[in-house]
Amino acid sequence: MNLWCKVGVSKIHGVGIIALKSIPMATIVTEVPSKYEKIQLIKYKKSECSTEQLEYLQRIHCYHPEGDNISLPETGFNIYWLQSFVNHSFEPNCIMYSLNGIYSDIITTKPIEPGEEITIDFRKAYPSFYTKDKKWAKK
């Protein structure tokens, strides 16, 4: 696997994924390693969590809502893929290609220069989440 990018300071928001070298169009810049394709998720009842806890987990995109339940990674939050640090842009330079509905490869849609931040459009990567907010859906 080629090393195309790193975690670095983002001009968009906090931390992001930054290109280390020129990346051609249609390149997989982050790839889910096959041995980590599936992290075991543990279900909890939303009622077991405080409102503040649920709001925090939603803000950092760390759980999957499932009706009255939420699912959190069994391993905790010590394992992150590079994909976890990608930021949103309305004019992205990459797309997410879903492998199994949870983890995705990130693929370039145009050439990227060294130092440029890797971005995706969250509305397209997570349509069911972002189209609920009318402001996001209209842009």
C-alpha atoms as a PDB file:
ATOM      1  CA  MET A   1       0.000   0.000   0.000  1.00  0.00           C
ATOM      2  CA  ASN A   2       1.330   3.457  -0.957  1.00  0.00           C
ATOM      3  CA  LEU A   3       1.593   6.190   1.678  1.00  0.00           C
ATOM      4  CA  TRP A   4      -0.159   9.161   0.045  1.00  0.00           C
ATOM      5  CA  CYS A   5      -1.143  11.323   3.002  1.00  0.00           C
ATOM      6  CA  LYS A   6      -0.932  11.966   6.736  1.00  0.00           C
ATOM      7  CA  VAL A   7      -2.974  13.451   9.541  1.00  0.00           C
ATOM      8  CA  GLY A   8      -2.179  17.143   9.892  1.00  0.00           C
ATOM      9  CA  VAL A   9      -3.476  20.586  10.781  1.00  0.00           C
ATOM     10  CA  SER A  10      -6.546  21.442   8.709  1.00  0.00           C
ATOM     11  CA  LYS A  11      -7.402  24.844   7.261  1.00  0.00           C
ATOM     12  CA  ILE A  12     -11.023  23.653   7.236  1.00  0.00           C
ATOM     13  CA  HIS A  13     -11.533  22.307  10.756  1.00  0.00           C
ATOM     14  CA  GLY A  14      -9.081  21.101  13.408  1.00  0.00           C
ATOM     15  CA  VAL A  15      -7.344  18.020  12.050  1.00  0.00           C
ATOM     16  CA  GLY A  16      -7.531  16.683   8.497  1.00  0.00           C
ATOM     17  CA  ILE A  17      -5.861  14.414   5.977  1.00  0.00           C
ATOM     18  CA  ILE A  18      -3.044  16.161   4.094  1.00  0.00           C
ATOM     19  CA  ALA A  19      -1.416  14.968   0.847  1.00  0.00           C
ATOM     20  CA  LEU A  20       2.295  14.124   1.182  1.00  0.00           C
ATOM     21  CA  LYS A  21       2.949  14.049  -2.568  1.00  0.00           C
ATOM     22  CA  SER A  22       1.149  14.515  -5.889  1.00  0.00           C
ATOM     23  CA  ILE A  23      -1.760  12.079  -6.071  1.00  0.00           C
ATOM     24  CA  PRO A  24      -3.240  11.139  -9.455  1.00  0.00           C
ATOM     25  CA  MET A  25      -6.976  11.072 -10.107  1.00  0.00           C
ATOM     26  CA  ALA A  26      -8.745   7.753  -9.307  1.00  0.00           C
ATOM     27  CA  THR A  27      -6.205   6.795  -6.620  1.00  0.00           C
ATOM     28  CA  ILE A  28      -7.269   5.063  -3.410  1.00  0.00           C
ATOM     29  CA  VAL A  29      -5.639   7.358  -0.851  1.00  0.00           C
ATOM     30  CA  THR A  30      -6.905   5.599   2.267  1.00  0.00           C
ATOM     31  CA  GLU A  31      -7.764   1.953   2.287  1.00  0.00           C
ATOM     32  CA  VAL A  32      -9.422  -0.102   4.991  1.00  0.00           C
ATOM     33  CA  PRO A  33      -6.960  -2.904   5.811  1.00  0.00           C
ATOM     34  CA  SER A  34      -8.609  -6.273   5.175  1.00  0.00           C
ATOM     35  CA  LYS A  35      -7.900  -7.583   8.672  1.00  0.00           C
ATOM     36  CA  TYR A  36      -9.813  -4.593  10.122  1.00  0.00           C
ATOM     37  CA  GLU A  37     -12.797  -4.674   7.795  1.00  0.00           C
ATOM     38  CA  LYS A  38     -15.181  -5.154  10.682  1.00  0.00           C
ATOM     39  CA  ILE A  39     -14.857  -3.905  14.252  1.00  0.00           C
ATOM     40  CA  GLN A  40     -17.274  -5.548  16.646  1.00  0.00           C
ATOM     41  CA  LEU A  41     -19.984  -3.099  17.709  1.00  0.00           C
ATOM     42  CA  ILE A  42     -21.720  -3.340  21.074  1.00  0.00           C
ATOM     43  CA  LYS A  43     -25.347  -2.190  21.396  1.00  0.00           C
ATOM     44  CA  TYR A  44     -26.469   0.085  24.228  1.00  0.00           C
ATOM     45  CA  LYS A  45     -29.894   1.514  24.943  1.00  0.00           C
ATOM     46  CA  LYS A  46     -30.055   5.275  24.348  1.00  0.00           C
ATOM     47  CA  SER A  47     -31.871   5.531  27.677  1.00  0.00           C
ATOM     48  CA  GLU A  48     -28.646   4.393  29.437  1.00  0.00           C
ATOM     49  CA  CYS A  49     -26.858   7.544  28.209  1.00  0.00           C
ATOM     50  CA  SER A  50     -27.329  11.129  29.302  1.00  0.00           C
ATOM     51  CA  THR A  51     -28.418  13.736  26.759  1.00  0.00           C
ATOM     52  CA  GLU A  52     -24.932  15.273  26.957  1.00  0.00           C
ATOM     53  CA  GLN A  53     -23.255  11.937  26.211  1.00  0.00           C
ATOM     54  CA  LEU A  54     -25.499  11.302  23.191  1.00  0.00           C
ATOM     55  CA  GLU A  55     -24.928  14.828  21.845  1.00  0.00           C
ATOM     56  CA  TYR A  56     -21.154  14.443  22.233  1.00  0.00           C
ATOM     57  CA  LEU A  57     -21.077  11.037  20.500  1.00  0.00           C
ATOM     58  CA  GLN A  58     -23.216  12.396  17.665  1.00  0.00           C
ATOM     59  CA  ARG A  59     -20.965  15.457  17.259  1.00  0.00           C
ATOM     60  CA  ILE A  60     -17.849  13.303  16.879  1.00  0.00           C
ATOM     61  CA  HIS A  61     -19.639  10.715  14.688  1.00  0.00           C
ATOM     62  CA  CYS A  62     -18.686   7.798  16.948  1.00  0.00           C
ATOM     63  CA  TYR A  63     -21.893   5.840  17.082  1.00  0.00           C
ATOM     64  CA  HIS A  64     -24.472   4.323  14.804  1.00  0.00           C
ATOM     65  CA  PRO A  65     -28.089   5.029  15.827  1.00  0.00           C
ATOM     66  CA  GLU A  66     -30.424   2.038  15.548  1.00  0.00           C
ATOM     67  CA  GLY A  67     -33.904   2.941  16.815  1.00  0.00           C
ATOM     68  CA  ASP A  68     -33.785   3.009  20.625  1.00  0.00           C
ATOM     69  CA  ASN A  69     -30.188   1.713  20.600  1.00  0.00           C
ATOM     70  CA  ILE A  70     -26.742   2.995  19.714  1.00  0.00           C
ATOM     71  CA  SER A  71     -23.732   0.905  18.709  1.00  0.00           C
ATOM     72  CA  LEU A  72     -20.220   1.725  19.906  1.00  0.00           C
ATOM     73  CA  PRO A  73     -16.932   0.031  18.929  1.00  0.00           C
ATOM     74  CA  GLU A  74     -15.999  -2.815  21.267  1.00  0.00           C
ATOM     75  CA  THR A  75     -12.356  -1.691  21.169  1.00  0.00           C
ATOM     76  CA  GLY A  76     -13.213   1.805  22.377  1.00  0.00           C
ATOM     77  CA  PHE A  77     -11.860   4.826  20.589  1.00  0.00           C
ATOM     78  CA  ASN A  78      -8.179   3.842  20.518  1.00  0.00           C
ATOM     79  CA  ILE A  79      -8.277   2.644  16.899  1.00  0.00           C
ATOM     80  CA  TYR A  80      -8.897   5.169  14.141  1.00  0.00           C
ATOM     81  CA  TRP A  81      -8.447   4.779  10.427  1.00  0.00           C
ATOM     82  CA  LEU A  82      -7.137   7.727   8.457  1.00  0.00           C
ATOM     83  CA  GLN A  83     -10.683   8.039   7.052  1.00  0.00           C
ATOM     84  CA  SER A  84     -11.810   9.232  10.488  1.00  0.00           C
ATOM     85  CA  PHE A  85     -10.030  12.545   9.938  1.00  0.00           C
ATOM     86  CA  VAL A  86     -11.400  13.505   6.523  1.00  0.00           C
ATOM     87  CA  ASN A  87     -13.171  16.889   6.442  1.00  0.00           C
ATOM     88  CA  HIS A  88     -16.179  18.102   4.468  1.00  0.00           C
ATOM     89  CA  SER A  89     -16.109  20.349   1.413  1.00  0.00           C
ATOM     90  CA  PHE A  90     -18.895  21.407  -0.949  1.00  0.00           C
ATOM     91  CA  GLU A  91     -16.214  21.096  -3.656  1.00  0.00           C
ATOM     92  CA  PRO A  92     -14.461  17.859  -2.597  1.00  0.00           C
ATOM     93  CA  ASN A  93     -11.446  16.280  -4.250  1.00  0.00           C
ATOM     94  CA  CYS A  94     -12.407  12.720  -3.216  1.00  0.00           C
ATOM     95  CA  ILE A  95     -15.334  10.356  -2.739  1.00  0.00           C
ATOM     96  CA  MET A  96     -15.934   7.600  -0.213  1.00  0.00           C
ATOM     97  CA  TYR A  97     -16.425   4.114  -1.597  1.00  0.00           C
ATOM     98  CA  SER A  98     -18.303   2.014   0.941  1.00  0.00           C
ATOM     99  CA  LEU A  99     -17.050  -1.525   1.489  1.00  0.00           C
ATOM    100  CA  ASN A 100     -19.571  -2.791   3.976  1.00  0.00           C
ATOM    101  CA  GLY A 101     -21.742   0.145   4.934  1.00  0.00           C
ATOM    102  CA  ILE A 102     -19.522   1.224   7.835  1.00  0.00           C
ATOM    103  CA  TYR A 103     -15.934   1.612   6.637  1.00  0.00           C
ATOM    104  CA  SER A 104     -14.921   3.098   3.303  1.00  0.00           C
ATOM    105  CA  ASP A 105     -11.984   3.686   1.028  1.00  0.00           C
ATOM    106  CA  ILE A 106     -11.360   7.277  -0.046  1.00  0.00           C
ATOM    107  CA  ILE A 107     -10.683   7.733  -3.767  1.00  0.00           C
ATOM    108  CA  THR A 108      -9.498  10.900  -5.535  1.00  0.00           C
ATOM    109  CA  THR A 109     -11.772  12.490  -8.145  1.00  0.00           C
ATOM    110  CA  LYS A 110      -9.052  14.812  -9.459  1.00  0.00           C
ATOM    111  CA  PRO A 111      -5.282  15.215  -9.105  1.00  0.00           C
ATOM    112  CA  ILE A 112      -4.183  16.471  -5.674  1.00  0.00           C
ATOM    113  CA  GLU A 113      -1.028  18.437  -4.929  1.00  0.00           C
ATOM    114  CA  PRO A 114       1.323  18.003  -1.924  1.00  0.00           C
ATOM    115  CA  GLY A 115       0.005  19.892   1.119  1.00  0.00           C
ATOM    116  CA  GLU A 116      -3.581  19.929  -0.198  1.00  0.00           C
ATOM    117  CA  GLU A 117      -6.228  18.603   2.172  1.00  0.00           C
ATOM    118  CA  ILE A 118      -8.205  15.489   1.246  1.00  0.00           C
ATOM    119  CA  THR A 119     -11.948  16.282   1.380  1.00  0.00           C
ATOM    120  CA  ILE A 120     -15.278  14.614   0.702  1.00  0.00           C
ATOM    121  CA  ASP A 121     -18.853  15.891   0.503  1.00  0.00           C
ATOM    122  CA  PHE A 122     -20.482  14.606   3.696  1.00  0.00           C
ATOM    123  CA  ARG A 123     -23.935  15.003   2.089  1.00  0.00           C
ATOM    124  CA  LYS A 124     -23.041  12.331  -0.477  1.00  0.00           C
ATOM    125  CA  ALA A 125     -21.016  10.117   1.861  1.00  0.00           C
ATOM    126  CA  TYR A 126     -23.688  10.138   4.587  1.00  0.00           C
ATOM    127  CA  PRO A 127     -26.938  11.096   2.804  1.00  0.00           C
ATOM    128  CA  SER A 128     -29.410   9.814   5.405  1.00  0.00           C
ATOM    129  CA  PHE A 129     -27.701  11.844   8.137  1.00  0.00           C
ATOM    130  CA  TYR A 130     -27.145  15.146   6.333  1.00  0.00           C
ATOM    131  CA  THR A 131     -30.320  15.474   4.269  1.00  0.00           C
ATOM    132  CA  LYS A 132     -32.351  15.730   7.491  1.00  0.00           C
ATOM    133  CA  ASP A 133     -30.945  19.262   7.894  1.00  0.00           C
ATOM    134  CA  LYS A 134     -32.583  21.440   5.224  1.00  0.00           C
ATOM    135  CA  LYS A 135     -29.631  23.885   5.140  1.00  0.00           C
ATOM    136  CA  TRP A 136     -27.237  21.071   4.116  1.00  0.00           C
ATOM    137  CA  ALA A 137     -29.659  19.558   1.645  1.00  0.00           C
ATOM    138  CA  LYS A 138     -30.079  22.836  -0.295  1.00  0.00           C
ATOM    139  CA  LYS A 139     -26.382  23.531  -0.851  1.00  0.00           C
END
